[in-house]
Amino acid sequence: MALEALRDGWSQRKLTMDALWHCASADRVANVMRPYLESVTA
């Protein structure tokens, strides 16, 4: 469900990788989020 929401937001251009990466780093989940962010951009 979370991956679907991430892909949906990315495809609708409602979010940017910079914003996602900033939030992931601030919440200290960047290493967990990295594979998901890479799968969205591929």
Protein backbone atom coordinates (compact mmCIF):
# COMPACT_ATOMS: atom_id res chain seq x y z
CA MET A 1 0.00 0.00 0.00
CA ALA A 2 2.77 2.48 0.83
CA LEU A 3 4.68 1.65 -2.34
CA GLU A 4 1.50 2.11 -4.36
CA ALA A 5 0.99 5.54 -2.80
CA LEU A 6 4.60 6.45 -3.51
CA ARG A 7 4.28 5.42 -7.17
CA ASP A 8 0.96 7.24 -7.48
CA GLY A 9 2.35 10.47 -6.04
CA TRP A 10 5.40 10.23 -8.28
CA SER A 11 3.39 9.58 -11.44
CA GLN A 12 1.06 12.50 -10.68
CA ARG A 13 4.08 14.73 -9.99
CA LYS A 14 2.79 15.61 -6.54
CA LEU A 15 6.19 14.99 -4.97
CA THR A 16 9.85 15.28 -5.86
CA MET A 17 12.79 13.05 -5.05
CA ASP A 18 14.48 15.96 -3.29
CA ALA A 19 11.51 16.44 -0.99
CA LEU A 20 11.16 12.72 -0.33
CA TRP A 21 14.87 12.33 0.38
CA HIS A 22 14.85 15.35 2.70
CA CYS A 23 11.94 13.94 4.72
CA ALA A 24 13.46 10.46 4.81
CA SER A 25 16.76 11.86 6.06
CA ALA A 26 15.06 14.01 8.68
CA ASP A 27 13.11 11.00 9.96
CA ARG A 28 16.24 8.82 9.82
CA VAL A 29 14.71 6.28 7.44
CA ALA A 30 16.76 7.18 4.36
CA ASN A 31 18.47 3.78 4.20
CA VAL A 32 15.12 2.00 4.44
CA MET A 33 13.50 4.26 1.82
CA ARG A 34 16.35 4.08 -0.71
CA PRO A 35 15.21 0.87 -2.49
CA TYR A 36 11.65 2.15 -2.69
CA LEU A 37 12.72 5.47 -4.16
CA GLU A 38 14.95 3.69 -6.66
CA SER A 39 12.10 1.40 -7.72
CA VAL A 40 9.82 4.37 -8.35
CA THR A 41 12.31 6.14 -10.60
CA ALA A 42 13.22 3.02 -12.59
